[in-house]
Amino acid sequence: MDPVKRNLAAMGLPERFMDACLERFDVWRAGSRVSVFGAEGAPSDVVGVKLAKLVTPSPTWTLVTACHRQAAWNVHNWALSHFVPVQYVGSPAGRASRALATQLIAASDQVVVFERRREKRFDHVLQAAKQARKRVSLELYDVAGGSASQLSLA
């Protein structure tokens, strides 16, 4: 942290303020990294409930997300509005692919998957996350009602 502090010193900020900011940054940096799949198609209330459950026990976490046009922008914008750090993977011109999903999983400590009941759209994500020994949470939801059930895999 000393090199960061030396570079920030040129801004002329009070040292106590810089120390507090760097301390907070260090806490956020140590938090878990979470990637989310399928949130763009899931009902907002299901996504909101899951994110609330995620934030409550772990207030310091980072959202790992793709930065292409098919990313879950609702989750991305929610994270930014709540001052949750965001780590981007891939490029804006990229497309959703298994390779990108693997990169997202590799950059994450926890993977949250939202999937419609009786669909297997994100099976490759679940398999890759389990193979990489990441913590996985599968949120199943119904199309019409939006009701969900949770299945966590360790």
N, C-alpha and C. Protein backbone atom coordinates (compact mmCIF):
# COMPACT_ATOMS: atom_id res chain seq x y z
N MET A 1 0.81 -1.20 0.00
CA MET A 1 0.00 0.00 0.00
C MET A 1 0.86 1.27 0.00
N ASP A 2 2.12 1.14 0.39
CA ASP A 2 2.97 2.32 0.43
C ASP A 2 3.14 2.98 -0.94
N PRO A 3 3.33 2.21 -2.04
CA PRO A 3 3.43 2.88 -3.35
C PRO A 3 2.15 3.65 -3.71
N VAL A 4 1.01 3.11 -3.39
CA VAL A 4 -0.26 3.80 -3.67
C VAL A 4 -0.34 5.08 -2.85
N LYS A 5 0.05 4.99 -1.60
CA LYS A 5 0.00 6.16 -0.72
C LYS A 5 0.95 7.25 -1.21
N ARG A 6 2.14 6.85 -1.68
CA ARG A 6 3.10 7.84 -2.19
C ARG A 6 2.53 8.54 -3.43
N ASN A 7 1.89 7.79 -4.31
CA ASN A 7 1.32 8.40 -5.52
C ASN A 7 0.14 9.32 -5.20
N LEU A 8 -0.64 8.97 -4.19
CA LEU A 8 -1.76 9.81 -3.80
C LEU A 8 -1.31 11.08 -3.06
N ALA A 9 -0.13 11.03 -2.47
CA ALA A 9 0.38 12.18 -1.71
C ALA A 9 0.51 13.42 -2.59
N ALA A 10 0.75 13.22 -3.89
CA ALA A 10 0.88 14.35 -4.81
C ALA A 10 -0.42 15.14 -4.94
N MET A 11 -1.53 14.55 -4.55
CA MET A 11 -2.82 15.24 -4.64
C MET A 11 -3.01 16.25 -3.50
N GLY A 12 -2.16 16.18 -2.49
CA GLY A 12 -2.25 17.12 -1.39
C GLY A 12 -3.38 16.85 -0.42
N LEU A 13 -3.86 15.62 -0.38
CA LEU A 13 -4.93 15.26 0.55
C LEU A 13 -4.37 15.07 1.96
N PRO A 14 -5.17 15.32 2.98
CA PRO A 14 -4.69 15.09 4.35
C PRO A 14 -4.32 13.61 4.55
N GLU A 15 -3.26 13.38 5.29
CA GLU A 15 -2.75 12.02 5.47
C GLU A 15 -3.77 11.12 6.18
N ARG A 16 -4.48 11.66 7.16
CA ARG A 16 -5.49 10.85 7.86
C ARG A 16 -6.59 10.39 6.91
N PHE A 17 -6.99 11.27 5.98
CA PHE A 17 -8.00 10.92 4.99
C PHE A 17 -7.50 9.81 4.07
N MET A 18 -6.26 9.96 3.60
CA MET A 18 -5.68 8.93 2.73
C MET A 18 -5.57 7.60 3.45
N ASP A 19 -5.15 7.63 4.70
CA ASP A 19 -5.03 6.38 5.47
C ASP A 19 -6.39 5.69 5.62
N ALA A 20 -7.43 6.47 5.89
CA ALA A 20 -8.78 5.90 6.02
C ALA A 20 -9.25 5.30 4.69
N CYS A 21 -8.99 6.00 3.59
CA CYS A 21 -9.38 5.49 2.27
C CYS A 21 -8.63 4.21 1.93
N LEU A 22 -7.34 4.18 2.19
CA LEU A 22 -6.55 2.99 1.88
C LEU A 22 -6.95 1.82 2.77
N GLU A 23 -7.29 2.11 4.01
CA GLU A 23 -7.75 1.05 4.90
C GLU A 23 -9.06 0.45 4.39
N ARG A 24 -9.98 1.31 3.96
CA ARG A 24 -11.26 0.84 3.41
C ARG A 24 -11.04 0.06 2.11
N PHE A 25 -10.13 0.54 1.28
CA PHE A 25 -9.81 -0.16 0.03
C PHE A 25 -9.26 -1.54 0.33
N ASP A 26 -8.42 -1.65 1.34
CA ASP A 26 -7.84 -2.94 1.71
C ASP A 26 -8.92 -3.92 2.17
N VAL A 27 -9.92 -3.43 2.90
CA VAL A 27 -11.03 -4.28 3.34
C VAL A 27 -11.82 -4.76 2.13
N TRP A 28 -12.15 -3.85 1.21
CA TRP A 28 -12.90 -4.24 0.01
C TRP A 28 -12.11 -5.23 -0.83
N ARG A 29 -10.80 -4.99 -0.94
CA ARG A 29 -9.95 -5.86 -1.76
C ARG A 29 -9.92 -7.28 -1.23
N ALA A 30 -10.05 -7.44 0.06
CA ALA A 30 -10.01 -8.77 0.68
C ALA A 30 -11.36 -9.49 0.60
N GLY A 31 -12.41 -8.79 0.21
CA GLY A 31 -13.75 -9.39 0.13
C GLY A 31 -13.86 -10.38 -1.02
N SER A 32 -14.94 -11.14 -1.02
CA SER A 32 -15.12 -12.15 -2.06
C SER A 32 -15.52 -11.51 -3.38
N ARG A 33 -15.23 -12.23 -4.45
CA ARG A 33 -15.57 -11.80 -5.81
C ARG A 33 -16.72 -12.68 -6.30
N VAL A 34 -17.79 -12.06 -6.75
CA VAL A 34 -19.01 -12.78 -7.11
C VAL A 34 -19.37 -12.50 -8.57
N SER A 35 -19.60 -13.57 -9.33
CA SER A 35 -20.11 -13.40 -10.70
C SER A 35 -21.55 -13.89 -10.74
N VAL A 36 -22.33 -13.29 -11.62
CA VAL A 36 -23.76 -13.58 -11.71
C VAL A 36 -24.10 -13.95 -13.16
N PHE A 37 -24.81 -15.06 -13.32
CA PHE A 37 -25.24 -15.52 -14.64
C PHE A 37 -26.76 -15.61 -14.66
N GLY A 38 -27.37 -15.19 -15.75
CA GLY A 38 -28.81 -15.35 -15.93
C GLY A 38 -29.68 -14.29 -15.29
N ALA A 39 -29.09 -13.29 -14.67
CA ALA A 39 -29.89 -12.27 -13.98
C ALA A 39 -30.67 -11.39 -14.95
N GLU A 40 -30.17 -11.26 -16.18
CA GLU A 40 -30.86 -10.40 -17.14
C GLU A 40 -32.22 -10.96 -17.55
N GLY A 41 -32.42 -12.27 -17.43
CA GLY A 41 -33.70 -12.88 -17.80
C GLY A 41 -34.58 -13.23 -16.61
N ALA A 42 -34.03 -13.14 -15.43
CA ALA A 42 -34.79 -13.51 -14.22
C ALA A 42 -35.65 -12.34 -13.75
N PRO A 43 -36.76 -12.64 -13.07
CA PRO A 43 -37.60 -11.56 -12.52
C PRO A 43 -36.80 -10.70 -11.53
N SER A 44 -37.05 -9.40 -11.58
CA SER A 44 -36.30 -8.46 -10.73
C SER A 44 -36.43 -8.77 -9.25
N ASP A 45 -37.61 -9.24 -8.81
CA ASP A 45 -37.78 -9.52 -7.38
C ASP A 45 -36.93 -10.71 -6.95
N VAL A 46 -36.76 -11.69 -7.83
CA VAL A 46 -35.92 -12.86 -7.50
C VAL A 46 -34.46 -12.43 -7.40
N VAL A 47 -34.01 -11.62 -8.35
CA VAL A 47 -32.63 -11.14 -8.35
C VAL A 47 -32.39 -10.26 -7.12
N GLY A 48 -33.34 -9.38 -6.82
CA GLY A 48 -33.20 -8.48 -5.68
C GLY A 48 -33.10 -9.22 -4.36
N VAL A 49 -33.94 -10.24 -4.18
CA VAL A 49 -33.91 -11.02 -2.93
C VAL A 49 -32.56 -11.72 -2.79
N LYS A 50 -32.05 -12.29 -3.88
CA LYS A 50 -30.77 -13.00 -3.81
C LYS A 50 -29.63 -12.04 -3.50
N LEU A 51 -29.62 -10.89 -4.15
CA LEU A 51 -28.55 -9.92 -3.88
C LEU A 51 -28.62 -9.42 -2.44
N ALA A 52 -29.83 -9.24 -1.93
CA ALA A 52 -29.97 -8.82 -0.53
C ALA A 52 -29.41 -9.88 0.41
N LYS A 53 -29.67 -11.16 0.11
CA LYS A 53 -29.12 -12.25 0.93
C LYS A 53 -27.60 -12.28 0.85
N LEU A 54 -27.07 -11.95 -0.31
CA LEU A 54 -25.63 -11.96 -0.52
C LEU A 54 -24.95 -10.83 0.24
N VAL A 55 -25.56 -9.66 0.22
CA VAL A 55 -24.96 -8.47 0.82
C VAL A 55 -25.01 -8.50 2.34
N THR A 56 -26.06 -9.05 2.91
CA THR A 56 -26.24 -9.01 4.36
C THR A 56 -25.08 -9.64 5.12
N PRO A 57 -24.69 -10.90 4.86
CA PRO A 57 -23.60 -11.47 5.64
C PRO A 57 -22.22 -11.04 5.16
N SER A 58 -22.12 -10.55 3.96
CA SER A 58 -20.82 -10.20 3.40
C SER A 58 -20.87 -8.80 2.79
N PRO A 59 -20.76 -7.77 3.60
CA PRO A 59 -20.91 -6.42 3.08
C PRO A 59 -19.76 -5.96 2.18
N THR A 60 -18.65 -6.67 2.18
CA THR A 60 -17.54 -6.31 1.32
C THR A 60 -17.34 -7.39 0.27
N TRP A 61 -17.78 -7.11 -0.92
CA TRP A 61 -17.62 -8.04 -2.04
C TRP A 61 -17.50 -7.24 -3.32
N THR A 62 -17.01 -7.90 -4.36
CA THR A 62 -16.82 -7.28 -5.66
C THR A 62 -17.62 -8.04 -6.70
N LEU A 63 -18.34 -7.34 -7.54
CA LEU A 63 -19.07 -7.97 -8.64
C LEU A 63 -18.11 -8.18 -9.80
N VAL A 64 -18.02 -9.40 -10.28
CA VAL A 64 -17.22 -9.72 -11.46
C VAL A 64 -18.20 -9.89 -12.61
N THR A 65 -18.06 -9.08 -13.65
CA THR A 65 -19.03 -9.11 -14.74
C THR A 65 -18.36 -8.93 -16.10
N ALA A 66 -19.02 -9.45 -17.11
CA ALA A 66 -18.58 -9.20 -18.48
C ALA A 66 -18.98 -7.78 -18.85
N CYS A 67 -18.29 -7.20 -19.81
CA CYS A 67 -18.62 -5.82 -20.18
C CYS A 67 -19.20 -5.73 -21.59
N HIS A 68 -19.76 -6.82 -22.10
CA HIS A 68 -20.38 -6.78 -23.42
C HIS A 68 -21.87 -6.44 -23.31
N ARG A 69 -22.54 -6.32 -24.42
CA ARG A 69 -23.93 -5.83 -24.43
C ARG A 69 -24.93 -6.78 -23.80
N GLN A 70 -24.59 -8.07 -23.64
CA GLN A 70 -25.52 -9.03 -23.07
C GLN A 70 -25.30 -9.24 -21.57
N ALA A 71 -24.47 -8.42 -20.96
CA ALA A 71 -24.21 -8.55 -19.53
C ALA A 71 -25.47 -8.18 -18.74
N ALA A 72 -25.50 -8.60 -17.49
CA ALA A 72 -26.64 -8.28 -16.61
C ALA A 72 -26.49 -6.85 -16.11
N TRP A 73 -26.92 -5.90 -16.93
CA TRP A 73 -26.74 -4.49 -16.59
C TRP A 73 -27.58 -4.07 -15.40
N ASN A 74 -28.68 -4.77 -15.14
CA ASN A 74 -29.47 -4.42 -13.95
C ASN A 74 -28.66 -4.68 -12.68
N VAL A 75 -27.93 -5.78 -12.64
CA VAL A 75 -27.08 -6.08 -11.49
C VAL A 75 -25.89 -5.12 -11.45
N HIS A 76 -25.30 -4.86 -12.60
CA HIS A 76 -24.17 -3.95 -12.70
C HIS A 76 -24.54 -2.56 -12.18
N ASN A 77 -25.65 -2.03 -12.65
CA ASN A 77 -26.08 -0.70 -12.23
C ASN A 77 -26.45 -0.66 -10.76
N TRP A 78 -27.07 -1.74 -10.27
CA TRP A 78 -27.39 -1.82 -8.84
C TRP A 78 -26.10 -1.78 -8.02
N ALA A 79 -25.10 -2.55 -8.46
CA ALA A 79 -23.83 -2.59 -7.72
C ALA A 79 -23.18 -1.20 -7.68
N LEU A 80 -23.13 -0.53 -8.80
CA LEU A 80 -22.53 0.80 -8.83
C LEU A 80 -23.30 1.79 -7.96
N SER A 81 -24.63 1.71 -7.98
CA SER A 81 -25.42 2.65 -7.18
C SER A 81 -25.28 2.38 -5.68
N HIS A 82 -24.84 1.17 -5.31
CA HIS A 82 -24.62 0.84 -3.90
C HIS A 82 -23.13 0.80 -3.55
N PHE A 83 -22.30 1.40 -4.40
CA PHE A 83 -20.87 1.54 -4.17
C PHE A 83 -20.16 0.19 -4.02
N VAL A 84 -20.64 -0.81 -4.74
CA VAL A 84 -19.99 -2.12 -4.76
C VAL A 84 -18.97 -2.08 -5.90
N PRO A 85 -17.71 -2.41 -5.63
CA PRO A 85 -16.72 -2.41 -6.70
C PRO A 85 -17.09 -3.42 -7.80
N VAL A 86 -16.74 -3.07 -9.03
CA VAL A 86 -17.03 -3.93 -10.18
C VAL A 86 -15.73 -4.24 -10.90
N GLN A 87 -15.49 -5.52 -11.16
CA GLN A 87 -14.33 -5.96 -11.94
C GLN A 87 -14.85 -6.45 -13.28
N TYR A 88 -14.32 -5.89 -14.37
CA TYR A 88 -14.79 -6.25 -15.70
C TYR A 88 -13.88 -7.31 -16.32
N VAL A 89 -14.52 -8.26 -17.02
CA VAL A 89 -13.80 -9.32 -17.71
C VAL A 89 -14.24 -9.29 -19.16
N GLY A 90 -13.31 -9.49 -20.08
CA GLY A 90 -13.65 -9.49 -21.50
C GLY A 90 -13.55 -8.09 -22.08
N SER A 91 -14.14 -7.93 -23.27
CA SER A 91 -14.10 -6.64 -23.94
C SER A 91 -15.52 -6.23 -24.35
N PRO A 92 -15.74 -4.93 -24.53
CA PRO A 92 -17.08 -4.47 -24.91
C PRO A 92 -17.56 -5.06 -26.24
N ALA A 93 -16.64 -5.35 -27.13
CA ALA A 93 -17.01 -5.92 -28.44
C ALA A 93 -17.19 -7.43 -28.38
N GLY A 94 -16.88 -8.03 -27.24
CA GLY A 94 -16.96 -9.49 -27.10
C GLY A 94 -18.39 -9.99 -27.08
N ARG A 95 -18.51 -11.30 -27.17
CA ARG A 95 -19.83 -11.94 -27.14
C ARG A 95 -19.86 -12.94 -25.99
N ALA A 96 -21.06 -13.27 -25.57
CA ALA A 96 -21.22 -14.30 -24.55
C ALA A 96 -20.75 -15.63 -25.13
N SER A 97 -19.87 -16.31 -24.41
CA SER A 97 -19.35 -17.59 -24.89
C SER A 97 -18.94 -18.43 -23.69
N ARG A 98 -18.69 -19.69 -23.94
CA ARG A 98 -18.21 -20.57 -22.87
C ARG A 98 -16.84 -20.13 -22.37
N ALA A 99 -16.00 -19.65 -23.28
CA ALA A 99 -14.67 -19.17 -22.89
C ALA A 99 -14.78 -17.97 -21.95
N LEU A 100 -15.68 -17.05 -22.26
CA LEU A 100 -15.88 -15.88 -21.39
C LEU A 100 -16.45 -16.31 -20.05
N ALA A 101 -17.38 -17.25 -20.06
CA ALA A 101 -17.94 -17.76 -18.81
C ALA A 101 -16.85 -18.38 -17.95
N THR A 102 -15.94 -19.10 -18.58
CA THR A 102 -14.82 -19.71 -17.85
C THR A 102 -13.92 -18.63 -17.25
N GLN A 103 -13.68 -17.54 -17.98
CA GLN A 103 -12.88 -16.43 -17.46
C GLN A 103 -13.57 -15.78 -16.26
N LEU A 104 -14.87 -15.58 -16.37
CA LEU A 104 -15.62 -14.99 -15.26
C LEU A 104 -15.55 -15.87 -14.02
N ILE A 105 -15.71 -17.17 -14.22
CA ILE A 105 -15.65 -18.11 -13.10
C ILE A 105 -14.26 -18.11 -12.47
N ALA A 106 -13.23 -18.08 -13.30
CA ALA A 106 -11.85 -18.08 -12.79
C ALA A 106 -11.56 -16.84 -11.96
N ALA A 107 -12.17 -15.72 -12.30
CA ALA A 107 -11.94 -14.46 -11.58
C ALA A 107 -12.81 -14.34 -10.33
N SER A 108 -13.67 -15.32 -10.08
CA SER A 108 -14.65 -15.25 -8.98
C SER A 108 -14.34 -16.23 -7.87
N ASP A 109 -14.85 -15.91 -6.68
CA ASP A 109 -14.83 -16.84 -5.55
C ASP A 109 -16.18 -17.54 -5.43
N GLN A 110 -17.23 -16.86 -5.89
CA GLN A 110 -18.59 -17.38 -5.78
C GLN A 110 -19.32 -17.10 -7.09
N VAL A 111 -20.15 -18.07 -7.51
CA VAL A 111 -20.92 -17.94 -8.74
C VAL A 111 -22.40 -18.06 -8.39
N VAL A 112 -23.20 -17.08 -8.82
CA VAL A 112 -24.64 -17.11 -8.61
C VAL A 112 -25.29 -17.28 -9.99
N VAL A 113 -26.14 -18.31 -10.12
CA VAL A 113 -26.80 -18.61 -11.39
C VAL A 113 -28.31 -18.52 -11.20
N PHE A 114 -28.96 -17.72 -12.02
CA PHE A 114 -30.42 -17.63 -12.06
C PHE A 114 -30.88 -18.41 -13.27
N GLU A 115 -31.75 -19.39 -13.04
CA GLU A 115 -32.20 -20.22 -14.15
C GLU A 115 -33.68 -20.54 -14.01
N ARG A 116 -34.37 -20.52 -15.14
CA ARG A 116 -35.78 -20.89 -15.18
C ARG A 116 -35.90 -22.38 -14.91
N ARG A 117 -36.91 -22.75 -14.14
CA ARG A 117 -37.13 -24.17 -13.83
C ARG A 117 -37.21 -24.99 -15.12
N ARG A 118 -36.64 -26.19 -15.07
CA ARG A 118 -36.64 -27.16 -16.16
C ARG A 118 -35.87 -26.69 -17.39
N GLU A 119 -35.01 -25.72 -17.25
CA GLU A 119 -34.13 -25.33 -18.35
C GLU A 119 -32.71 -25.68 -17.96
N LYS A 120 -31.88 -25.90 -18.95
CA LYS A 120 -30.49 -26.28 -18.71
C LYS A 120 -29.54 -25.29 -19.39
N ARG A 121 -29.95 -24.04 -19.45
CA ARG A 121 -29.19 -23.03 -20.18
C ARG A 121 -27.80 -22.78 -19.60
N PHE A 122 -27.67 -22.89 -18.30
CA PHE A 122 -26.39 -22.58 -17.65
C PHE A 122 -25.71 -23.81 -17.05
N ASP A 123 -26.02 -24.98 -17.57
CA ASP A 123 -25.36 -26.20 -17.08
C ASP A 123 -23.85 -26.13 -17.24
N HIS A 124 -23.38 -25.57 -18.35
CA HIS A 124 -21.94 -25.47 -18.56
C HIS A 124 -21.29 -24.57 -17.50
N VAL A 125 -22.00 -23.54 -17.06
CA VAL A 125 -21.48 -22.66 -16.01
C VAL A 125 -21.41 -23.42 -14.69
N LEU A 126 -22.47 -24.15 -14.36
CA LEU A 126 -22.48 -24.93 -13.12
C LEU A 126 -21.37 -25.97 -13.11
N GLN A 127 -21.18 -26.66 -14.23
CA GLN A 127 -20.12 -27.68 -14.30
C GLN A 127 -18.74 -27.05 -14.19
N ALA A 128 -18.51 -25.95 -14.89
CA ALA A 128 -17.21 -25.29 -14.83
C ALA A 128 -16.92 -24.75 -13.44
N ALA A 129 -17.93 -24.20 -12.78
CA ALA A 129 -17.74 -23.66 -11.43
C ALA A 129 -17.45 -24.78 -10.43
N LYS A 130 -18.16 -25.89 -10.55
CA LYS A 130 -17.90 -27.02 -9.65
C LYS A 130 -16.52 -27.60 -9.90
N GLN A 131 -16.13 -27.67 -11.17
CA GLN A 131 -14.80 -28.19 -11.50
C GLN A 131 -13.70 -27.27 -10.96
N ALA A 132 -13.95 -25.98 -10.97
CA ALA A 132 -12.98 -25.01 -10.44
C ALA A 132 -13.08 -24.87 -8.92
N ARG A 133 -13.98 -25.63 -8.30
CA ARG A 133 -14.18 -25.63 -6.85
C ARG A 133 -14.59 -24.26 -6.31
N LYS A 134 -15.49 -23.61 -7.04
CA LYS A 134 -16.04 -22.33 -6.61
C LYS A 134 -17.34 -22.57 -5.86
N ARG A 135 -17.69 -21.66 -5.00
CA ARG A 135 -18.97 -21.74 -4.30
C ARG A 135 -20.07 -21.35 -5.30
N VAL A 136 -21.09 -22.20 -5.41
CA VAL A 136 -22.14 -22.00 -6.41
C VAL A 136 -23.49 -21.87 -5.72
N SER A 137 -24.28 -20.91 -6.17
CA SER A 137 -25.65 -20.77 -5.71
C SER A 137 -26.55 -20.75 -6.93
N LEU A 138 -27.49 -21.70 -7.00
CA LEU A 138 -28.41 -21.81 -8.12
C LEU A 138 -29.78 -21.34 -7.67
N GLU A 139 -30.29 -20.30 -8.31
CA GLU A 139 -31.61 -19.75 -8.02
C GLU A 139 -32.56 -20.15 -9.14
N LEU A 140 -33.49 -21.05 -8.85
CA LEU A 140 -34.48 -21.48 -9.83
C LEU A 140 -35.74 -20.64 -9.69
N TYR A 141 -36.32 -20.25 -10.82
CA TYR A 141 -37.54 -19.44 -10.77
C TYR A 141 -38.53 -19.92 -11.82
N ASP A 142 -39.81 -19.61 -11.58
CA ASP A 142 -40.88 -19.92 -12.52
C ASP A 142 -41.07 -18.73 -13.45
N VAL A 143 -41.53 -19.01 -14.65
CA VAL A 143 -41.71 -17.95 -15.63
C VAL A 143 -42.79 -16.97 -15.21
N ALA A 144 -43.96 -17.46 -14.89
CA ALA A 144 -45.10 -16.58 -14.64
C ALA A 144 -45.04 -15.93 -13.26
N GLY A 145 -44.92 -16.77 -12.23
CA GLY A 145 -45.04 -16.26 -10.87
C GLY A 145 -43.83 -15.54 -10.35
N GLY A 146 -42.65 -15.92 -10.81
CA GLY A 146 -41.44 -15.32 -10.30
C GLY A 146 -40.98 -15.91 -8.99
N SER A 147 -41.69 -16.94 -8.48
CA SER A 147 -41.25 -17.55 -7.23
C SER A 147 -39.98 -18.34 -7.46
N ALA A 148 -39.13 -18.38 -6.45
CA ALA A 148 -37.82 -19.00 -6.63
C ALA A 148 -37.52 -19.94 -5.48
N SER A 149 -36.60 -20.84 -5.73
CA SER A 149 -36.06 -21.68 -4.68
C SER A 149 -34.55 -21.68 -4.84
N GLN A 150 -33.86 -21.92 -3.76
CA GLN A 150 -32.41 -21.82 -3.77
C GLN A 150 -31.79 -23.18 -3.57
N LEU A 151 -30.74 -23.45 -4.32
CA LEU A 151 -29.95 -24.65 -4.16
C LEU A 151 -28.50 -24.22 -4.14
N SER A 152 -27.81 -24.45 -3.03
CA SER A 152 -26.41 -24.07 -2.94
C SER A 152 -25.54 -25.30 -3.04
N LEU A 153 -24.50 -25.18 -3.83
CA LEU A 153 -23.55 -26.26 -4.02
C LEU A 153 -22.20 -25.79 -3.50
N ALA A 154 -21.53 -26.61 -2.73
CA ALA A 154 -20.22 -26.20 -2.21
C ALA A 154 -19.12 -26.76 -3.06
